[in-house]
N, C-alpha and C. Protein backbone atom coordinates (compact mmCIF):
# COMPACT_ATOMS: atom_id res chain seq x y z
N MET A 1 13.05 -87.55 -38.60
CA MET A 1 13.81 -86.47 -38.00
C MET A 1 13.53 -85.14 -38.69
N ARG A 2 13.25 -85.18 -39.94
CA ARG A 2 13.02 -83.97 -40.70
C ARG A 2 11.82 -83.14 -40.20
N PRO A 3 10.67 -83.74 -39.86
CA PRO A 3 9.54 -82.93 -39.37
C PRO A 3 9.90 -82.13 -38.12
N ARG A 4 10.73 -82.66 -37.26
CA ARG A 4 11.14 -81.93 -36.05
C ARG A 4 11.92 -80.67 -36.40
N ALA A 5 12.82 -80.76 -37.34
CA ALA A 5 13.62 -79.60 -37.74
C ALA A 5 12.71 -78.51 -38.30
N GLU A 6 11.72 -78.92 -39.10
CA GLU A 6 10.78 -77.95 -39.67
C GLU A 6 9.97 -77.27 -38.57
N ALA A 7 9.52 -78.02 -37.59
CA ALA A 7 8.75 -77.45 -36.48
C ALA A 7 9.60 -76.46 -35.70
N GLY A 8 10.87 -76.77 -35.50
CA GLY A 8 11.77 -75.87 -34.79
C GLY A 8 11.94 -74.56 -35.52
N ARG A 9 12.05 -74.63 -36.86
CA ARG A 9 12.19 -73.40 -37.65
C ARG A 9 10.94 -72.54 -37.59
N ARG A 10 9.78 -73.18 -37.58
CA ARG A 10 8.53 -72.42 -37.50
C ARG A 10 8.36 -71.79 -36.13
N ALA A 11 8.87 -72.40 -35.09
CA ALA A 11 8.71 -71.87 -33.73
C ALA A 11 9.62 -70.67 -33.47
N ARG A 12 10.71 -70.54 -34.18
CA ARG A 12 11.65 -69.45 -33.93
C ARG A 12 11.04 -68.06 -34.07
N PRO A 13 10.27 -67.79 -35.13
CA PRO A 13 9.66 -66.45 -35.20
C PRO A 13 8.71 -66.17 -34.04
N ALA A 14 7.99 -67.19 -33.60
CA ALA A 14 7.07 -67.00 -32.48
C ALA A 14 7.83 -66.68 -31.21
N VAL A 15 8.93 -67.37 -30.98
CA VAL A 15 9.76 -67.12 -29.79
C VAL A 15 10.34 -65.71 -29.87
N ALA A 16 10.83 -65.32 -31.04
CA ALA A 16 11.39 -63.98 -31.20
C ALA A 16 10.33 -62.91 -30.95
N ALA A 17 9.12 -63.15 -31.43
CA ALA A 17 8.03 -62.18 -31.21
C ALA A 17 7.69 -62.07 -29.73
N LEU A 18 7.68 -63.19 -29.03
CA LEU A 18 7.40 -63.16 -27.58
C LEU A 18 8.49 -62.42 -26.82
N LEU A 19 9.74 -62.63 -27.20
CA LEU A 19 10.84 -61.93 -26.54
C LEU A 19 10.76 -60.43 -26.80
N ALA A 20 10.42 -60.04 -28.03
CA ALA A 20 10.28 -58.62 -28.34
C ALA A 20 9.14 -57.99 -27.55
N LEU A 21 8.03 -58.71 -27.44
CA LEU A 21 6.90 -58.22 -26.67
C LEU A 21 7.27 -58.05 -25.20
N ALA A 22 7.98 -59.02 -24.65
CA ALA A 22 8.41 -58.94 -23.25
C ALA A 22 9.32 -57.73 -23.03
N ALA A 23 10.22 -57.47 -23.96
CA ALA A 23 11.12 -56.31 -23.84
C ALA A 23 10.33 -55.01 -23.92
N LEU A 24 9.33 -54.96 -24.80
CA LEU A 24 8.52 -53.76 -24.93
C LEU A 24 7.72 -53.49 -23.67
N VAL A 25 7.12 -54.53 -23.12
CA VAL A 25 6.34 -54.39 -21.88
C VAL A 25 7.26 -53.95 -20.74
N ALA A 26 8.45 -54.52 -20.66
CA ALA A 26 9.39 -54.14 -19.61
C ALA A 26 9.78 -52.67 -19.74
N GLY A 27 9.89 -52.16 -20.96
CA GLY A 27 10.25 -50.77 -21.19
C GLY A 27 9.14 -49.81 -20.80
N CYS A 28 7.94 -50.31 -20.59
CA CYS A 28 6.80 -49.46 -20.22
C CYS A 28 6.54 -49.50 -18.72
N ALA A 29 7.39 -50.14 -17.97
CA ALA A 29 7.20 -50.31 -16.54
C ALA A 29 7.36 -48.98 -15.80
N THR A 30 6.74 -48.91 -14.62
CA THR A 30 6.82 -47.71 -13.78
C THR A 30 7.63 -48.02 -12.53
N GLN A 31 8.58 -47.14 -12.22
CA GLN A 31 9.45 -47.31 -11.07
C GLN A 31 8.98 -46.41 -9.93
N GLN A 32 9.11 -46.89 -8.71
CA GLN A 32 8.80 -46.07 -7.53
C GLN A 32 9.95 -45.10 -7.32
N GLY A 33 9.67 -43.82 -7.31
CA GLY A 33 10.71 -42.80 -7.21
C GLY A 33 10.77 -42.13 -5.85
N TYR A 34 10.39 -42.82 -4.81
CA TYR A 34 10.42 -42.26 -3.45
C TYR A 34 10.71 -43.39 -2.47
N ALA A 35 11.17 -43.04 -1.29
CA ALA A 35 11.48 -44.04 -0.26
C ALA A 35 10.20 -44.44 0.47
N GLY A 36 10.22 -45.62 1.03
CA GLY A 36 9.09 -46.06 1.83
C GLY A 36 8.16 -46.99 1.08
N PRO A 37 7.04 -47.32 1.73
CA PRO A 37 6.10 -48.27 1.13
C PRO A 37 5.38 -47.67 -0.08
N GLU A 38 4.86 -48.55 -0.91
CA GLU A 38 4.10 -48.14 -2.08
C GLU A 38 2.86 -47.35 -1.64
N ARG A 39 2.51 -46.34 -2.42
CA ARG A 39 1.33 -45.51 -2.12
C ARG A 39 0.29 -45.65 -3.22
N SER A 40 -0.92 -45.23 -2.93
CA SER A 40 -2.00 -45.33 -3.91
C SER A 40 -1.78 -44.30 -5.03
N SER A 41 -2.45 -44.51 -6.15
CA SER A 41 -2.32 -43.59 -7.29
C SER A 41 -2.83 -42.19 -6.95
N ALA A 42 -3.70 -42.07 -5.95
CA ALA A 42 -4.21 -40.76 -5.54
C ALA A 42 -3.17 -39.96 -4.75
N GLU A 43 -2.12 -40.65 -4.26
CA GLU A 43 -1.10 -39.99 -3.42
C GLU A 43 0.17 -39.65 -4.18
N VAL A 44 0.30 -40.12 -5.42
CA VAL A 44 1.53 -39.91 -6.19
C VAL A 44 1.20 -39.31 -7.54
N ALA A 45 2.22 -38.77 -8.19
CA ALA A 45 2.13 -38.33 -9.58
C ALA A 45 2.94 -39.31 -10.41
N VAL A 46 2.54 -39.52 -11.65
CA VAL A 46 3.29 -40.38 -12.57
C VAL A 46 3.87 -39.50 -13.66
N VAL A 47 5.19 -39.65 -13.89
CA VAL A 47 5.87 -38.92 -14.94
C VAL A 47 6.38 -39.93 -15.95
N ARG A 48 5.97 -39.76 -17.22
CA ARG A 48 6.31 -40.72 -18.29
C ARG A 48 7.26 -40.10 -19.31
N ALA A 49 8.16 -40.96 -19.79
CA ALA A 49 9.02 -40.64 -20.93
C ALA A 49 8.70 -41.67 -22.00
N ASP A 50 9.56 -41.81 -22.99
CA ASP A 50 9.36 -42.81 -24.04
C ASP A 50 9.90 -44.16 -23.58
N PRO A 51 9.32 -45.26 -24.07
CA PRO A 51 9.84 -46.58 -23.71
C PRO A 51 11.23 -46.79 -24.26
N ALA A 52 11.95 -47.75 -23.67
CA ALA A 52 13.33 -48.03 -24.08
C ALA A 52 13.41 -48.42 -25.55
N LEU A 53 12.44 -49.17 -26.04
CA LEU A 53 12.41 -49.53 -27.45
C LEU A 53 11.64 -48.45 -28.18
N SER A 54 12.33 -47.73 -29.06
CA SER A 54 11.71 -46.57 -29.71
C SER A 54 10.82 -46.93 -30.88
N ALA A 55 10.89 -48.15 -31.37
CA ALA A 55 10.07 -48.58 -32.52
C ALA A 55 10.24 -47.65 -33.71
N GLY A 56 11.44 -47.12 -33.87
CA GLY A 56 11.72 -46.28 -35.03
C GLY A 56 11.31 -44.83 -34.90
N LEU A 57 10.94 -44.39 -33.69
CA LEU A 57 10.57 -42.99 -33.51
C LEU A 57 11.76 -42.08 -33.84
N PRO A 58 11.53 -40.96 -34.51
CA PRO A 58 12.65 -40.09 -34.86
C PRO A 58 13.24 -39.36 -33.65
N VAL A 59 12.42 -39.13 -32.61
CA VAL A 59 12.89 -38.46 -31.39
C VAL A 59 12.49 -39.32 -30.21
N GLN A 60 13.43 -39.52 -29.29
CA GLN A 60 13.15 -40.34 -28.11
C GLN A 60 13.62 -39.61 -26.86
N VAL A 61 12.73 -39.56 -25.86
CA VAL A 61 13.05 -38.95 -24.56
C VAL A 61 13.15 -40.07 -23.54
N ARG A 62 14.31 -40.16 -22.88
CA ARG A 62 14.56 -41.21 -21.87
C ARG A 62 14.81 -40.55 -20.52
N LEU A 63 14.11 -41.03 -19.51
CA LEU A 63 14.24 -40.53 -18.14
C LEU A 63 15.41 -41.26 -17.48
N ARG A 64 16.41 -40.53 -17.00
CA ARG A 64 17.61 -41.12 -16.41
C ARG A 64 17.65 -41.03 -14.89
N LYS A 65 17.12 -39.91 -14.36
CA LYS A 65 17.21 -39.69 -12.91
C LYS A 65 16.09 -38.78 -12.47
N VAL A 66 15.56 -39.05 -11.27
CA VAL A 66 14.59 -38.16 -10.63
C VAL A 66 15.19 -37.74 -9.32
N ASP A 67 15.38 -36.44 -9.16
CA ASP A 67 16.09 -35.91 -8.00
C ASP A 67 17.45 -36.62 -7.94
N GLU A 68 17.75 -37.36 -6.91
CA GLU A 68 19.04 -38.08 -6.84
C GLU A 68 18.87 -39.57 -7.07
N ARG A 69 17.70 -40.00 -7.50
CA ARG A 69 17.40 -41.42 -7.68
C ARG A 69 17.52 -41.82 -9.15
N GLU A 70 18.38 -42.79 -9.45
CA GLU A 70 18.54 -43.31 -10.81
C GLU A 70 17.26 -44.01 -11.26
N VAL A 71 16.93 -43.88 -12.52
CA VAL A 71 15.79 -44.60 -13.11
C VAL A 71 16.36 -45.72 -13.97
N SER A 72 15.94 -46.93 -13.69
CA SER A 72 16.41 -48.10 -14.42
C SER A 72 16.09 -47.97 -15.90
N ALA A 73 16.97 -48.50 -16.75
CA ALA A 73 16.76 -48.46 -18.19
C ALA A 73 15.51 -49.22 -18.61
N SER A 74 15.03 -50.12 -17.77
CA SER A 74 13.84 -50.91 -18.11
C SER A 74 12.54 -50.19 -17.74
N HIS A 75 12.65 -48.97 -17.20
CA HIS A 75 11.46 -48.21 -16.80
C HIS A 75 11.32 -46.95 -17.64
N SER A 76 10.10 -46.69 -18.08
CA SER A 76 9.85 -45.48 -18.87
C SER A 76 9.00 -44.47 -18.10
N ALA A 77 8.64 -44.81 -16.87
CA ALA A 77 7.83 -43.91 -16.04
C ALA A 77 8.25 -44.05 -14.60
N VAL A 78 7.95 -43.02 -13.83
CA VAL A 78 8.29 -43.03 -12.40
C VAL A 78 7.15 -42.40 -11.61
N GLU A 79 6.87 -43.00 -10.45
CA GLU A 79 5.90 -42.42 -9.52
C GLU A 79 6.68 -41.57 -8.53
N VAL A 80 6.22 -40.34 -8.31
CA VAL A 80 6.87 -39.44 -7.37
C VAL A 80 5.83 -38.84 -6.43
N LEU A 81 6.30 -38.39 -5.29
CA LEU A 81 5.42 -37.69 -4.35
C LEU A 81 5.14 -36.28 -4.88
N PRO A 82 4.04 -35.68 -4.48
CA PRO A 82 3.75 -34.31 -4.95
C PRO A 82 4.84 -33.34 -4.51
N GLY A 83 5.03 -32.32 -5.33
CA GLY A 83 6.02 -31.29 -5.02
C GLY A 83 6.97 -31.05 -6.16
N ALA A 84 8.06 -30.33 -5.88
CA ALA A 84 9.05 -29.97 -6.88
C ALA A 84 10.06 -31.11 -7.07
N HIS A 85 10.40 -31.37 -8.32
CA HIS A 85 11.36 -32.43 -8.65
C HIS A 85 12.27 -31.98 -9.78
N ARG A 86 13.42 -32.67 -9.87
CA ARG A 86 14.39 -32.46 -10.94
C ARG A 86 14.50 -33.76 -11.73
N PHE A 87 14.30 -33.68 -13.04
CA PHE A 87 14.33 -34.85 -13.92
C PHE A 87 15.51 -34.73 -14.88
N LEU A 88 16.43 -35.69 -14.80
CA LEU A 88 17.55 -35.73 -15.74
C LEU A 88 17.10 -36.58 -16.92
N VAL A 89 17.14 -35.99 -18.12
CA VAL A 89 16.53 -36.59 -19.30
C VAL A 89 17.52 -36.58 -20.46
N ASP A 90 17.56 -37.68 -21.23
CA ASP A 90 18.30 -37.73 -22.48
C ASP A 90 17.31 -37.64 -23.62
N CYS A 91 17.60 -36.79 -24.58
CA CYS A 91 16.75 -36.64 -25.76
C CYS A 91 17.59 -37.00 -26.98
N SER A 92 17.14 -37.99 -27.75
CA SER A 92 17.89 -38.47 -28.91
C SER A 92 17.11 -38.22 -30.19
N VAL A 93 17.83 -37.76 -31.20
CA VAL A 93 17.27 -37.63 -32.54
C VAL A 93 17.95 -38.71 -33.37
N ALA A 94 17.15 -39.53 -34.05
CA ALA A 94 17.68 -40.66 -34.81
C ALA A 94 18.81 -40.22 -35.74
N GLY A 95 19.95 -40.88 -35.61
CA GLY A 95 21.09 -40.61 -36.47
C GLY A 95 21.86 -39.34 -36.16
N GLU A 96 21.45 -38.58 -35.15
CA GLU A 96 22.09 -37.29 -34.87
C GLU A 96 22.71 -37.19 -33.49
N GLY A 97 22.41 -38.08 -32.58
CA GLY A 97 23.01 -38.03 -31.26
C GLY A 97 22.02 -37.69 -30.15
N THR A 98 22.57 -37.53 -28.95
CA THR A 98 21.78 -37.36 -27.74
C THR A 98 22.19 -36.09 -27.01
N THR A 99 21.20 -35.37 -26.49
CA THR A 99 21.42 -34.18 -25.67
C THR A 99 20.80 -34.42 -24.31
N ARG A 100 21.50 -34.04 -23.26
CA ARG A 100 21.00 -34.23 -21.89
C ARG A 100 20.41 -32.92 -21.38
N PHE A 101 19.25 -33.03 -20.70
CA PHE A 101 18.56 -31.87 -20.15
C PHE A 101 18.23 -32.11 -18.68
N LEU A 102 18.21 -31.04 -17.90
CA LEU A 102 17.70 -31.07 -16.54
C LEU A 102 16.37 -30.31 -16.57
N VAL A 103 15.29 -31.03 -16.30
CA VAL A 103 13.95 -30.44 -16.33
C VAL A 103 13.45 -30.35 -14.89
N GLU A 104 13.09 -29.15 -14.48
CA GLU A 104 12.56 -28.95 -13.13
C GLU A 104 11.08 -28.64 -13.23
N GLY A 105 10.31 -29.25 -12.32
CA GLY A 105 8.89 -28.99 -12.35
C GLY A 105 8.20 -29.45 -11.09
N GLU A 106 7.02 -28.94 -10.89
CA GLU A 106 6.21 -29.31 -9.73
C GLU A 106 5.06 -30.19 -10.19
N VAL A 107 4.81 -31.26 -9.44
CA VAL A 107 3.74 -32.20 -9.81
C VAL A 107 2.74 -32.31 -8.67
N ALA A 108 1.51 -32.68 -9.03
CA ALA A 108 0.43 -32.82 -8.06
C ALA A 108 0.02 -34.29 -7.94
N ALA A 109 -0.40 -34.67 -6.76
CA ALA A 109 -0.85 -36.04 -6.51
C ALA A 109 -2.05 -36.38 -7.39
N GLY A 110 -2.08 -37.63 -7.85
CA GLY A 110 -3.19 -38.11 -8.65
C GLY A 110 -3.15 -37.68 -10.11
N ARG A 111 -2.10 -37.00 -10.54
CA ARG A 111 -2.00 -36.50 -11.92
C ARG A 111 -0.93 -37.27 -12.68
N GLU A 112 -1.02 -37.21 -14.00
CA GLU A 112 -0.04 -37.85 -14.86
C GLU A 112 0.61 -36.80 -15.75
N TYR A 113 1.92 -36.92 -15.92
CA TYR A 113 2.71 -35.95 -16.68
C TYR A 113 3.51 -36.69 -17.74
N ARG A 114 3.95 -35.95 -18.75
CA ARG A 114 4.77 -36.51 -19.82
C ARG A 114 5.94 -35.59 -20.09
N LEU A 115 7.11 -36.19 -20.28
CA LEU A 115 8.29 -35.44 -20.70
C LEU A 115 8.28 -35.41 -22.23
N GLU A 116 8.14 -34.22 -22.81
CA GLU A 116 8.02 -34.07 -24.26
C GLU A 116 9.14 -33.21 -24.81
N ALA A 117 9.65 -33.64 -25.96
CA ALA A 117 10.76 -32.93 -26.61
C ALA A 117 10.26 -31.91 -27.62
N THR A 118 11.01 -30.83 -27.73
CA THR A 118 10.89 -29.90 -28.84
C THR A 118 12.17 -30.11 -29.63
N ALA A 119 12.04 -30.57 -30.88
CA ALA A 119 13.23 -30.96 -31.63
C ALA A 119 13.13 -30.52 -33.08
N SER A 120 14.30 -30.34 -33.68
CA SER A 120 14.40 -30.11 -35.12
C SER A 120 14.83 -31.44 -35.75
N ALA A 121 15.09 -31.44 -37.02
CA ALA A 121 15.53 -32.66 -37.69
C ALA A 121 16.91 -33.10 -37.22
N ARG A 122 17.66 -32.20 -36.61
CA ARG A 122 19.04 -32.52 -36.22
C ARG A 122 19.34 -32.55 -34.73
N SER A 123 18.45 -31.95 -33.91
CA SER A 123 18.76 -31.91 -32.48
C SER A 123 17.52 -31.66 -31.64
N CYS A 124 17.66 -31.99 -30.37
CA CYS A 124 16.63 -31.66 -29.38
C CYS A 124 16.92 -30.26 -28.87
N ASP A 125 15.92 -29.41 -28.89
CA ASP A 125 16.10 -28.04 -28.43
C ASP A 125 15.71 -27.87 -26.97
N ALA A 126 14.72 -28.67 -26.52
CA ALA A 126 14.24 -28.56 -25.14
C ALA A 126 13.42 -29.80 -24.81
N VAL A 127 13.25 -30.04 -23.51
CA VAL A 127 12.33 -31.06 -23.02
C VAL A 127 11.49 -30.39 -21.95
N SER A 128 10.18 -30.58 -22.03
CA SER A 128 9.25 -29.95 -21.09
C SER A 128 8.45 -31.00 -20.34
N LEU A 129 8.04 -30.65 -19.13
CA LEU A 129 7.15 -31.48 -18.32
C LEU A 129 5.73 -30.99 -18.58
N ILE A 130 4.92 -31.85 -19.20
CA ILE A 130 3.57 -31.49 -19.63
C ILE A 130 2.55 -32.31 -18.85
N ILE A 131 1.52 -31.67 -18.32
CA ILE A 131 0.47 -32.42 -17.64
C ILE A 131 -0.42 -33.05 -18.70
N ARG A 132 -0.80 -34.31 -18.47
CA ARG A 132 -1.68 -35.00 -19.41
C ARG A 132 -3.11 -34.79 -18.97
N ASP A 133 -3.96 -34.52 -19.94
CA ASP A 133 -5.39 -34.36 -19.64
C ASP A 133 -5.99 -35.70 -19.28
N PRO A 134 -6.95 -35.70 -18.33
CA PRO A 134 -7.56 -36.97 -17.92
C PRO A 134 -8.37 -37.61 -19.03
């Protein structure tokens, strides 16, 4: 009976690592932020924030809403149609709290954008929509 107990103890770290990996991957998922059928990457823009698991990052930007559409906590990015959009964003500084921002910006089809914070050691001062270079 003893060898079985030892095997179970050795398997626990592996199971925990797999669960952590699954949570991290889920936090990197992309949500469809428009009505209707899925469109090709050439027809939509992708806007990314930070994943739900911050891995100890001192500043974290979380996307909460695009226009009037809620963004699930398990998603760190959203696909949107080209044009003007409003992004409701929470910006957290480790140990200091969270500030909510409304970021407005225009996006183009086939492009990728990132929500980036400007922060001090104690607070988020702003969040900007930045186009990512290809």
